Amino acid sequence: MSRRRVVVTGLGVVTPLGCDLDDVWESVCAGRSGVGPIMRFDCQDFKVRFGGEIRNFTAGDHIEFDAKDERRIDRFCQFALVAADKAIRQAAIDFKVGDSYRYGVLVGSGIGGLDEIESQHSMLFDRGPDRISPFMIPKLIINAASGNISVRWGLRGPNTAVCTACASGTNAIGDAFRMIQIGVADVMIAGGTEAGLTPMGIAGFARTGALSTRNSAPQQASRPFDRDRDGFVLSEGAGILVLEEREFAIRRGATILGEVLGYGQSADATHLTAPDPKGAGAAYAMNAALRDAGLRPDELDYINAHGTSTLLGDIAETNAIRTVFGSHADALAVSSTKSQLGHLLGASGGVESAFCIAAMLRQTAPPTINLDEADPECDLDYVPDKPRSMRIRNTMKNSFGFGGHNACVVFGEA
């Protein structure tokens, strides 16, 4: 059975460094950090008091969005709608033309409407069950992001969601890629969104010991692969891609930004939160993605790493890359843009996949900042401090999540 080719025609992001991809890319390459003290709520008694917060975010500044929408749509869905709008505008696609049942949505999230859960929980105990909002359930469910995009643009094709923790965005892109490949849809709006930077989000992750506690130096806290890393930085945002069947995109005159070549996934099946130390599951997913893409390991040029800045995770990913790429691992550029943005959880795969496309378009590998001295067990070329102009034909996005989820997508030049 021949498989249809899938291309990328639109990219949209909402991040702590801004909501315009060109501006965000420039900031990432300049080594600017989007991490800072949390301002949305009082966290002076918290162990961790900083994160990658999107400050002064109002959906109405970017899309048509009124007070009624504000009441009915959670912050994580608002991020997704704004990122989707930016991606759809770049793709210049009119969904009123053609068969709406061939246009679908697949957006992932690790947590969903945590903000709504917290506010309505307070309402329940402060004012009683009859004061709970009738919009609570539709606001907090993870599939609300896909649902709201479907409703806004009238997309009647596959409309689903994926929740695989921090692998959600990458799994969503990979699963959407498959749907187009096998002919279920011609266009998919795919990616991830997250708004977990809330009191419970910060407190919960801090209690697991996963977060950096560098309250006095938040912009230096996210330091993937560095010897002195002490955990990840919790952030929020969204990353959405427009994926199309290649011939469909060509017929309508779309500008093709890149191509999705392969997708791999696996499970560690060892521990709910700790990675396999040797990165065996991650290596399997990377190998599967390369096989699916029809690429040899030495044909890959750049990896946007999962690279969260955790003690175990960075070593496991390094081990996995060495297992998959062998001697070619030393020739790879491997960077973690979480050093600039922090960890957007389920949204990371969406934003960082957009960076993979941007890296090919600009023939530039973005840097890993805050890498003052690499961990001796992290011995790859992490593009420290400064971006690198280089030939980039094919890129890979790695994402790994609590639950042992491993997801990997390979992109190629347009």
Protein backbone atom coordinates (compact mmCIF):
# COMPACT_ATOMS: atom_id res chain seq x y z
CA MET A 1 0.00 0.00 0.00
CA SER A 2 1.47 3.33 -1.04
CA ARG A 3 1.39 6.01 1.61
CA ARG A 4 0.53 9.60 0.88
CA ARG A 5 3.14 12.28 1.55
CA VAL A 6 2.43 14.85 4.25
CA VAL A 7 3.72 18.43 4.29
CA VAL A 8 3.71 21.34 6.72
CA THR A 9 2.13 24.58 5.48
CA GLY A 10 1.49 26.56 8.66
CA LEU A 11 3.15 27.15 12.03
CA GLY A 12 1.74 28.92 15.07
CA VAL A 13 3.13 29.35 18.58
CA VAL A 14 2.19 30.92 21.88
CA THR A 15 5.19 31.04 24.23
CA PRO A 16 6.73 32.93 27.16
CA LEU A 17 8.89 34.71 24.54
CA GLY A 18 5.94 35.86 22.47
CA CYS A 19 3.33 34.70 19.99
CA ASP A 20 4.99 35.50 16.66
CA LEU A 21 7.18 32.63 15.45
CA ASP A 22 9.72 34.86 13.72
CA ASP A 23 10.16 36.97 16.86
CA VAL A 24 10.30 33.91 19.11
CA TRP A 25 12.89 32.25 16.86
CA GLU A 26 15.02 35.39 16.91
CA SER A 27 14.85 35.49 20.71
CA VAL A 28 15.70 31.79 21.02
CA CYS A 29 18.71 32.19 18.75
CA ALA A 30 19.79 35.30 20.65
CA GLY A 31 19.81 33.26 23.85
CA ARG A 32 17.00 35.20 25.54
CA SER A 33 15.13 33.45 28.31
CA GLY A 34 11.35 33.63 28.74
CA VAL A 35 11.59 32.46 32.35
CA GLY A 36 10.92 34.79 35.28
CA PRO A 37 9.08 35.26 38.59
CA ILE A 38 5.45 34.14 38.56
CA MET A 39 3.06 37.10 38.51
CA ARG A 40 -0.39 35.50 37.97
CA PHE A 41 -0.75 34.38 41.59
CA ASP A 42 0.93 34.86 44.95
CA CYS A 43 3.54 32.14 45.38
CA GLN A 44 5.76 33.65 48.08
CA ASP A 45 5.22 30.60 50.31
CA PHE A 46 6.01 28.14 47.49
CA LYS A 47 9.24 26.22 47.19
CA VAL A 48 9.41 27.29 43.51
CA ARG A 49 8.40 30.84 42.61
CA PHE A 50 9.24 31.17 38.93
CA GLY A 51 8.32 29.71 35.55
CA GLY A 52 7.79 30.37 31.87
CA GLU A 53 4.69 32.51 32.28
CA ILE A 54 2.90 34.17 29.35
CA ARG A 55 2.23 37.54 30.90
CA ASN A 56 -0.64 39.84 30.02
CA PHE A 57 -2.07 37.25 27.65
CA THR A 58 -5.47 38.15 26.24
CA ALA A 59 -6.82 35.97 23.46
CA GLY A 60 -8.79 38.94 22.12
CA ASP A 61 -5.52 40.68 21.24
CA HIS A 62 -4.91 37.98 18.63
CA ILE A 63 -8.29 36.59 17.52
CA GLU A 64 -11.97 37.48 17.64
CA PHE A 65 -12.74 36.64 21.25
CA ASP A 66 -15.38 38.25 23.46
CA ALA A 67 -16.41 38.13 27.11
CA LYS A 68 -18.67 35.14 26.49
CA ASP A 69 -15.75 33.20 25.04
CA GLU A 70 -13.63 34.18 28.03
CA ARG A 71 -16.17 32.61 30.41
CA ARG A 72 -16.53 29.42 28.39
CA ILE A 73 -13.00 28.64 27.21
CA ASP A 74 -10.10 27.76 29.51
CA ARG A 75 -6.67 29.34 29.24
CA PHE A 76 -5.11 26.21 27.70
CA CYS A 77 -7.76 26.23 24.96
CA GLN A 78 -7.24 29.94 24.37
CA PHE A 79 -3.56 29.31 23.75
CA ALA A 80 -4.48 26.59 21.25
CA LEU A 81 -6.97 28.80 19.41
CA VAL A 82 -4.45 31.62 19.03
CA ALA A 83 -1.67 29.29 17.84
CA ALA A 84 -4.07 27.57 15.43
CA ASP A 85 -5.20 30.90 14.01
CA LYS A 86 -1.61 31.92 13.34
CA ALA A 87 -0.83 28.58 11.67
CA ILE A 88 -3.98 28.63 9.56
CA ARG A 89 -3.33 32.20 8.44
CA GLN A 90 0.20 31.29 7.38
CA ALA A 91 -1.13 28.27 5.49
CA ALA A 92 -3.61 30.60 3.76
CA ILE A 93 -6.22 27.87 3.69
CA ASP A 94 -9.94 28.56 3.34
CA PHE A 95 -11.87 25.82 5.09
CA LYS A 96 -15.11 26.98 3.47
CA VAL A 97 -13.76 25.55 0.22
CA GLY A 98 -13.84 21.78 -0.27
CA ASP A 99 -15.14 18.90 1.83
CA SER A 100 -15.18 19.86 5.52
CA TYR A 101 -15.17 16.15 6.44
CA ARG A 102 -11.63 15.94 5.02
CA TYR A 103 -10.36 18.58 7.47
CA GLY A 104 -9.55 17.47 11.02
CA VAL A 105 -7.98 18.41 14.35
CA LEU A 106 -5.70 16.57 16.76
CA VAL A 107 -4.34 18.62 19.64
CA GLY A 108 -2.72 17.13 22.72
CA SER A 109 -2.37 18.30 26.31
CA GLY A 110 -0.81 16.69 29.35
CA ILE A 111 -3.11 18.22 31.96
CA GLY A 112 -5.90 20.23 30.32
CA GLY A 113 -7.87 22.84 32.26
CA LEU A 114 -6.04 22.79 35.58
CA ASP A 115 -6.85 26.49 36.08
CA GLU A 116 -10.57 25.71 35.84
CA ILE A 117 -10.29 22.74 38.19
CA GLU A 118 -8.66 24.91 40.85
CA SER A 119 -11.08 27.83 40.57
CA GLN A 120 -14.18 25.62 40.61
CA HIS A 121 -12.86 23.55 43.49
CA SER A 122 -12.58 26.77 45.50
CA MET A 123 -16.08 27.76 44.40
CA LEU A 124 -17.47 24.41 45.54
CA PHE A 125 -16.13 24.69 49.07
CA ASP A 126 -16.55 28.44 49.46
CA ARG A 127 -20.06 28.86 48.03
CA GLY A 128 -21.54 25.40 47.57
CA PRO A 129 -22.26 22.95 44.73
CA ASP A 130 -24.98 25.05 43.13
CA ARG A 131 -22.47 27.78 42.35
CA ILE A 132 -20.23 25.57 40.22
CA SER A 133 -20.04 26.90 36.67
CA PRO A 134 -22.07 24.99 34.07
CA PHE A 135 -19.07 25.50 31.78
CA MET A 136 -16.65 23.73 34.13
CA ILE A 137 -16.58 20.32 32.45
CA PRO A 138 -16.49 21.61 28.83
CA LYS A 139 -13.69 23.98 29.85
CA LEU A 140 -11.38 21.54 31.61
CA ILE A 141 -11.54 18.41 29.43
CA ILE A 142 -8.38 17.83 27.41
CA ASN A 143 -10.27 17.37 24.12
CA ALA A 144 -11.75 20.86 24.51
CA ALA A 145 -8.79 22.31 22.60
CA SER A 146 -9.48 20.17 19.53
CA GLY A 147 -13.21 20.70 19.95
CA ASN A 148 -12.98 24.48 20.06
CA ILE A 149 -10.73 24.57 16.99
CA SER A 150 -13.14 22.28 15.15
CA VAL A 151 -16.11 24.50 16.00
CA ARG A 152 -14.39 27.80 15.18
CA TRP A 153 -13.24 26.70 11.71
CA GLY A 154 -16.03 24.24 10.90
CA LEU A 155 -13.73 21.22 10.62
CA ARG A 156 -15.86 18.07 10.47
CA GLY A 157 -13.18 15.44 9.87
CA PRO A 158 -11.27 13.52 12.57
CA ASN A 159 -11.57 15.47 15.81
CA THR A 160 -9.63 13.90 18.63
CA ALA A 161 -7.01 14.50 21.30
CA VAL A 162 -4.05 12.75 22.84
CA CYS A 163 -2.80 12.81 26.43
CA THR A 164 0.66 11.31 26.88
CA ALA A 165 2.04 13.84 29.38
CA CYS A 166 5.04 15.68 27.93
CA ALA A 167 4.91 13.63 24.73
CA SER A 168 1.36 14.81 23.92
CA GLY A 169 2.19 17.44 21.30
CA THR A 170 4.60 15.20 19.41
CA ASN A 171 2.20 12.25 19.54
CA ALA A 172 -0.56 14.52 18.23
CA ILE A 173 1.54 15.58 15.24
CA GLY A 174 2.60 11.99 14.58
CA ASP A 175 -0.94 10.63 14.83
CA ALA A 176 -2.26 13.39 12.56
CA PHE A 177 0.51 12.58 10.08
CA ARG A 178 -0.68 8.95 10.04
CA MET A 179 -4.30 9.98 9.42
CA ILE A 180 -3.31 11.92 6.33
CA GLN A 181 -0.90 9.21 5.19
CA ILE A 182 -3.60 6.52 5.12
CA GLY A 183 -6.23 8.77 3.57
CA VAL A 184 -8.51 9.51 6.53
CA ALA A 185 -8.04 13.27 6.07
CA ASP A 186 -6.42 15.75 3.69
CA VAL A 187 -5.66 18.46 6.26
CA MET A 188 -5.03 18.19 10.01
CA ILE A 189 -4.53 20.94 12.56
CA ALA A 190 -2.14 19.32 15.03
CA GLY A 191 0.05 20.11 18.02
CA GLY A 192 -0.08 20.66 21.76
CA THR A 193 -1.24 23.17 24.34
CA GLU A 194 -0.78 23.57 28.08
CA ALA A 195 -1.57 25.98 30.90
CA GLY A 196 -0.25 24.11 33.90
CA LEU A 197 1.50 27.08 35.49
CA THR A 198 -1.01 27.30 38.35
CA PRO A 199 -0.71 27.00 42.14
CA MET A 200 -1.43 23.27 42.05
CA GLY A 201 0.77 22.80 39.00
CA ILE A 202 3.80 24.43 40.58
CA ALA A 203 3.20 22.85 44.01
CA GLY A 204 2.58 19.40 42.57
CA PHE A 205 5.64 19.26 40.34
CA ALA A 206 7.77 20.79 43.10
CA ARG A 207 6.68 18.03 45.48
CA THR A 208 7.88 15.40 43.01
CA GLY A 209 11.33 17.02 43.12
CA ALA A 210 11.23 17.57 39.34
CA LEU A 211 11.53 21.37 39.32
CA SER A 212 14.57 23.61 39.56
CA THR A 213 14.61 25.67 42.75
CA ARG A 214 16.84 28.50 41.47
CA ASN A 215 14.47 31.22 42.70
CA SER A 216 17.30 33.77 42.85
CA ALA A 217 18.35 33.19 39.23
CA PRO A 218 15.29 32.02 37.24
CA GLN A 219 16.73 32.79 33.81
CA GLN A 220 19.65 30.46 34.52
CA ALA A 221 17.45 27.70 35.97
CA SER A 222 16.71 25.77 32.78
CA ARG A 223 20.11 24.30 31.90
CA PRO A 224 19.76 21.07 29.91
CA PHE A 225 22.79 18.77 29.91
CA ASP A 226 24.70 21.07 32.29
CA ARG A 227 26.58 19.57 35.21
CA ASP A 228 24.76 21.81 37.69
CA ARG A 229 21.18 21.32 36.45
CA ASP A 230 18.66 20.70 39.22
CA GLY A 231 15.34 20.16 37.46
CA PHE A 232 13.06 21.60 34.81
CA VAL A 233 11.25 24.95 34.66
CA LEU A 234 7.46 24.73 34.37
CA SER A 235 6.10 26.80 31.48
CA GLU A 236 2.94 27.27 29.43
CA GLY A 237 1.93 27.87 25.82
CA ALA A 238 0.93 26.15 22.59
CA GLY A 239 2.40 25.03 19.28
CA ILE A 240 0.20 24.14 16.29
CA LEU A 241 1.09 22.92 12.80
CA VAL A 242 -1.05 22.71 9.66
CA LEU A 243 -0.38 19.36 7.99
CA GLU A 244 -1.63 18.61 4.47
CA GLU A 245 -1.48 15.82 1.95
CA ARG A 246 1.22 16.98 -0.43
CA GLU A 247 -0.78 16.89 -3.67
CA PHE A 248 -3.71 18.63 -1.99
CA ALA A 249 -1.37 21.42 -0.85
CA ILE A 250 0.19 21.74 -4.31
CA ARG A 251 -3.20 21.90 -6.04
CA ARG A 252 -4.31 24.81 -3.90
CA GLY A 253 -1.00 26.64 -4.36
CA ALA A 254 0.17 26.41 -0.75
CA THR A 255 3.69 27.34 0.31
CA ILE A 256 5.27 24.15 1.62
CA LEU A 257 7.50 24.78 4.65
CA GLY A 258 8.68 21.22 5.24
CA GLU A 259 7.64 17.59 5.11
CA VAL A 260 6.79 15.08 7.82
CA LEU A 261 8.85 12.03 6.95
CA GLY A 262 8.50 9.59 9.83
CA TYR A 263 6.99 8.86 13.22
CA GLY A 264 7.98 6.46 15.98
CA GLN A 265 6.71 5.74 19.45
CA SER A 266 7.30 3.30 22.30
CA ALA A 267 6.95 2.77 26.03
CA ASP A 268 9.71 2.40 28.61
CA ALA A 269 7.51 0.08 30.71
CA THR A 270 9.91 0.48 33.64
CA HIS A 271 8.73 3.33 35.89
CA LEU A 272 5.93 5.87 35.82
CA THR A 273 8.15 8.97 36.15
CA ALA A 274 11.81 7.91 35.85
CA PRO A 275 13.21 7.16 32.39
CA ASP A 276 15.00 3.96 31.45
CA PRO A 277 18.62 4.91 32.35
CA LYS A 278 19.94 3.53 29.07
CA GLY A 279 17.20 5.23 27.08
CA ALA A 280 16.14 1.95 25.47
CA GLY A 281 12.55 3.02 24.84
CA ALA A 282 13.63 6.40 23.50
CA ALA A 283 16.12 4.71 21.20
CA TYR A 284 13.43 2.39 19.87
CA ALA A 285 11.16 5.36 19.06
CA MET A 286 13.98 7.22 17.28
CA ASN A 287 14.93 4.14 15.27
CA ALA A 288 11.29 3.57 14.36
CA ALA A 289 10.93 7.17 13.16
CA LEU A 290 14.07 6.89 11.02
CA ARG A 291 12.86 3.61 9.48
CA ASP A 292 9.46 5.13 8.80
CA ALA A 293 11.17 8.09 7.13
CA GLY A 294 13.39 5.83 5.05
CA LEU A 295 16.50 7.59 6.32
CA ARG A 296 19.87 6.28 7.41
CA PRO A 297 21.11 7.65 10.75
CA ASP A 298 23.83 9.63 8.96
CA GLU A 299 21.20 11.49 6.92
CA LEU A 300 19.90 13.32 10.01
CA ASP A 301 21.47 16.70 10.75
CA TYR A 302 19.72 18.21 13.78
CA ILE A 303 17.79 16.96 16.80
CA ASN A 304 15.60 19.21 18.91
CA ALA A 305 16.04 17.26 22.12
CA HIS A 306 13.49 16.61 24.83
CA GLY A 307 16.27 17.97 27.08
CA THR A 308 14.27 19.09 30.09
CA SER A 309 17.20 19.77 32.48
CA THR A 310 16.42 16.86 34.80
CA LEU A 311 19.27 14.79 36.23
CA LEU A 312 18.11 11.43 34.86
CA GLY A 313 16.32 12.49 31.70
CA ASP A 314 19.19 14.30 30.01
CA ILE A 315 21.53 11.35 30.52
CA ALA A 316 18.96 8.84 29.28
CA GLU A 317 18.35 10.86 26.11
CA THR A 318 22.07 11.21 25.47
CA ASN A 319 22.48 7.45 25.84
CA ALA A 320 19.59 6.85 23.45
CA ILE A 321 21.04 9.15 20.80
CA ARG A 322 24.40 7.41 21.00
CA THR A 323 22.69 4.01 20.69
CA VAL A 324 20.76 5.05 17.58
CA PHE A 325 23.36 7.11 15.75
CA GLY A 326 26.61 5.43 16.71
CA SER A 327 29.62 7.32 15.38
CA HIS A 328 27.33 9.81 13.60
CA ALA A 329 26.15 11.03 17.01
CA ASP A 330 29.26 13.21 17.25
CA ALA A 331 28.41 14.92 13.96
CA LEU A 332 24.84 15.75 15.01
CA ALA A 333 23.76 19.14 16.28
CA VAL A 334 21.56 18.46 19.33
CA SER A 335 20.01 21.37 21.20
CA SER A 336 17.31 21.92 23.78
CA THR A 337 15.30 25.10 23.31
CA LYS A 338 13.76 24.42 26.71
CA SER A 339 16.83 26.25 27.96
CA GLN A 340 15.15 29.45 26.68
CA LEU A 341 11.46 28.60 27.14
CA GLY A 342 11.32 26.15 30.01
CA HIS A 343 9.19 23.01 29.73
CA LEU A 344 5.74 23.54 28.20
CA LEU A 345 4.74 19.96 29.09
CA GLY A 346 2.24 18.69 26.49
CA ALA A 347 2.74 21.81 24.36
CA SER A 348 6.50 21.36 24.05
CA GLY A 349 6.32 18.97 21.12
CA GLY A 350 4.20 21.41 19.13
CA VAL A 351 6.41 24.44 19.72
CA GLU A 352 9.64 22.51 19.23
CA SER A 353 8.39 20.85 16.04
CA ALA A 354 7.84 24.36 14.70
CA PHE A 355 11.48 25.06 15.63
CA CYS A 356 12.56 21.97 13.66
CA ILE A 357 10.89 23.40 10.56
CA ALA A 358 12.35 26.85 11.26
CA ALA A 359 15.83 25.32 11.60
CA MET A 360 15.58 23.86 8.08
CA LEU A 361 14.10 27.02 6.58
CA ARG A 362 16.87 29.15 8.08
CA GLN A 363 19.64 26.52 7.89
CA THR A 364 20.43 27.30 11.51
CA ALA A 365 20.59 25.14 14.63
CA PRO A 366 19.30 27.06 17.67
CA PRO A 367 21.51 27.03 20.76
CA THR A 368 21.30 25.44 24.18
CA ILE A 369 21.87 28.25 26.67
CA ASN A 370 23.02 28.02 30.30
CA LEU A 371 25.36 25.19 29.32
CA ASP A 372 28.36 26.35 31.31
CA GLU A 373 29.92 22.92 31.79
CA ALA A 374 28.40 19.77 30.35
CA ASP A 375 27.68 16.80 32.56
CA PRO A 376 30.44 14.23 31.82
CA GLU A 377 27.64 11.76 30.97
CA CYS A 378 26.17 14.23 28.47
CA ASP A 379 28.83 14.28 25.79
CA LEU A 380 27.12 15.30 22.54
CA ASP A 381 27.35 18.55 20.57
CA TYR A 382 24.57 20.57 22.23
CA VAL A 383 25.21 23.79 20.24
CA PRO A 384 26.19 25.74 23.36
CA ASP A 385 25.31 29.42 23.76
CA LYS A 386 25.18 30.54 20.11
CA PRO A 387 23.17 29.47 17.04
CA ARG A 388 25.03 27.66 14.30
CA SER A 389 24.66 28.19 10.56
CA MET A 390 24.88 24.75 8.99
CA ARG A 391 23.40 22.49 6.34
CA ILE A 392 20.17 21.06 7.73
CA ARG A 393 18.26 18.65 5.48
CA ASN A 394 16.44 16.52 8.04
CA THR A 395 15.51 17.13 11.66
CA MET A 396 14.12 15.10 14.54
CA LYS A 397 11.90 16.05 17.45
CA ASN A 398 12.10 13.94 20.61
CA SER A 399 9.49 13.99 23.38
CA PHE A 400 9.27 11.75 26.44
CA GLY A 401 6.55 11.84 29.09
CA PHE A 402 5.59 10.58 32.53
CA GLY A 403 4.09 7.14 32.04
CA GLY A 404 7.07 6.05 29.98
CA HIS A 405 5.76 7.54 26.73
CA ASN A 406 8.32 8.09 23.95
CA ALA A 407 7.45 9.93 20.75
CA CYS A 408 9.64 11.00 17.84
CA VAL A 409 8.87 12.79 14.57
CA VAL A 410 11.28 13.29 11.66
CA PHE A 411 10.92 16.31 9.36
CA GLY A 412 12.55 16.96 6.00
CA GLU A 413 13.15 20.01 3.84
CA ALA A 414 10.33 21.26 1.66
